């Protein structure tokens, strides 16, 4: 659980341990009306990153060499 400062609508925290990543999301529903939607989108984005990493894909890499 992450405490929110006044006027902050969203806090996202990450914690790694070994090969695991824990994610915590705290939201002020007055400022972010759909925190579950945000959490679902974050979950989907992390799943996409995991899939790409396991495939060795650079499809999402926007850096130029």
C-alpha atoms as a PDB file:
ATOM      1  CA  UNK A   1       0.000   0.000   0.000  1.00  0.00           C
ATOM      2  CA  UNK A   2       1.342   3.400  -0.969  1.00  0.00           C
ATOM      3  CA  UNK A   3       0.233   6.604   0.743  1.00  0.00           C
ATOM      4  CA  UNK A   4      -0.993   9.402  -1.508  1.00  0.00           C
ATOM      5  CA  UNK A   5       0.024  13.028  -0.976  1.00  0.00           C
ATOM      6  CA  UNK A   6      -2.627  15.734  -1.309  1.00  0.00           C
ATOM      7  CA  UNK A   7      -3.568  16.279  -4.937  1.00  0.00           C
ATOM      8  CA  UNK A   8      -1.877  13.092  -6.134  1.00  0.00           C
ATOM      9  CA  UNK A   9      -4.357  10.847  -7.892  1.00  0.00           C
ATOM     10  CA  UNK A  10      -2.176   7.821  -8.515  1.00  0.00           C
ATOM     11  CA  UNK A  11       0.874   6.090  -7.053  1.00  0.00           C
ATOM     12  CA  UNK A  12       2.478   3.014  -8.560  1.00  0.00           C
ATOM     13  CA  UNK A  13       5.218   1.122  -6.739  1.00  0.00           C
ATOM     14  CA  UNK A  14       7.399  -1.744  -7.887  1.00  0.00           C
ATOM     15  CA  UNK A  15       9.365  -4.218  -5.789  1.00  0.00           C
ATOM     16  CA  UNK A  16      11.608  -6.917  -7.191  1.00  0.00           C
ATOM     17  CA  UNK A  17      12.695 -10.062  -5.421  1.00  0.00           C
ATOM     18  CA  UNK A  18      14.667 -12.638  -7.343  1.00  0.00           C
ATOM     19  CA  UNK A  19      12.854 -13.132 -10.629  1.00  0.00           C
ATOM     20  CA  UNK A  20       9.537 -11.743  -9.362  1.00  0.00           C
ATOM     21  CA  UNK A  21       8.150  -8.214  -9.644  1.00  0.00           C
ATOM     22  CA  UNK A  22       5.431  -6.993  -7.298  1.00  0.00           C
ATOM     23  CA  UNK A  23       3.334  -3.989  -8.282  1.00  0.00           C
ATOM     24  CA  UNK A  24       1.214  -1.890  -5.937  1.00  0.00           C
ATOM     25  CA  UNK A  25      -1.319   0.675  -7.135  1.00  0.00           C
ATOM     26  CA  UNK A  26      -3.025   3.262  -4.925  1.00  0.00           C
ATOM     27  CA  UNK A  27      -5.539   5.690  -6.368  1.00  0.00           C
ATOM     28  CA  UNK A  28      -7.766   8.529  -5.252  1.00  0.00           C
ATOM     29  CA  UNK A  29     -11.050   7.725  -6.993  1.00  0.00           C
ATOM     30  CA  UNK A  30     -11.967  11.410  -6.866  1.00  0.00           C
ATOM     31  CA  UNK A  31      -9.039  12.133  -9.181  1.00  0.00           C
ATOM     32  CA  UNK A  32      -8.837   8.789 -11.021  1.00  0.00           C
ATOM     33  CA  UNK A  33     -12.402   7.471 -11.364  1.00  0.00           C
ATOM     34  CA  UNK A  34     -11.438   4.031 -12.757  1.00  0.00           C
ATOM     35  CA  UNK A  35      -8.407   2.677 -10.893  1.00  0.00           C
ATOM     36  CA  UNK A  36      -9.355  -0.905 -11.797  1.00  0.00           C
ATOM     37  CA  UNK A  37      -9.222   0.059 -15.464  1.00  0.00           C
ATOM     38  CA  UNK A  38      -5.748   1.516 -14.971  1.00  0.00           C
ATOM     39  CA  UNK A  39      -4.603  -1.591 -13.099  1.00  0.00           C
ATOM     40  CA  UNK A  40      -5.968  -3.795 -15.899  1.00  0.00           C
ATOM     41  CA  UNK A  41      -4.180  -1.743 -18.561  1.00  0.00           C
ATOM     42  CA  UNK A  42      -0.936  -1.891 -16.558  1.00  0.00           C
ATOM     43  CA  UNK A  43      -1.303  -5.655 -16.207  1.00  0.00           C
ATOM     44  CA  UNK A  44      -1.821  -5.982 -19.959  1.00  0.00           C
ATOM     45  CA  UNK A  45       1.203  -3.807 -20.748  1.00  0.00           C
ATOM     46  CA  UNK A  46       3.420  -5.835 -18.411  1.00  0.00           C
ATOM     47  CA  UNK A  47       2.125  -9.068 -19.967  1.00  0.00           C
ATOM     48  CA  UNK A  48       3.010  -7.722 -23.436  1.00  0.00           C
ATOM     49  CA  UNK A  49       6.501  -6.787 -22.250  1.00  0.00           C
ATOM     50  CA  UNK A  50       6.963 -10.248 -20.764  1.00  0.00           C
ATOM     51  CA  UNK A  51       5.848 -11.921 -23.986  1.00  0.00           C
ATOM     52  CA  UNK A  52       8.191  -9.765 -26.055  1.00  0.00           C
ATOM     53  CA  UNK A  53      11.094 -10.392 -23.691  1.00  0.00           C
ATOM     54  CA  UNK A  54      10.566 -14.148 -23.823  1.00  0.00           C
ATOM     55  CA  UNK A  55      10.490 -14.011 -27.627  1.00  0.00           C
ATOM     56  CA  UNK A  56      13.533 -11.752 -27.766  1.00  0.00           C
ATOM     57  CA  UNK A  57      11.453  -9.263 -29.730  1.00  0.00           C
ATOM     58  CA  UNK A  58      12.455  -5.664 -30.322  1.00  0.00           C
ATOM     59  CA  UNK A  59       9.034  -4.744 -31.743  1.00  0.00           C
ATOM     60  CA  UNK A  60       8.400  -2.260 -28.925  1.00  0.00           C
ATOM     61  CA  UNK A  61      11.911  -0.820 -28.965  1.00  0.00           C
ATOM     62  CA  UNK A  62      11.683   2.809 -30.127  1.00  0.00           C
ATOM     63  CA  UNK A  63      15.336   3.717 -29.593  1.00  0.00           C
ATOM     64  CA  UNK A  64      17.542   4.244 -32.605  1.00  0.00           C
ATOM     65  CA  UNK A  65      21.104   3.018 -32.877  1.00  0.00           C
END
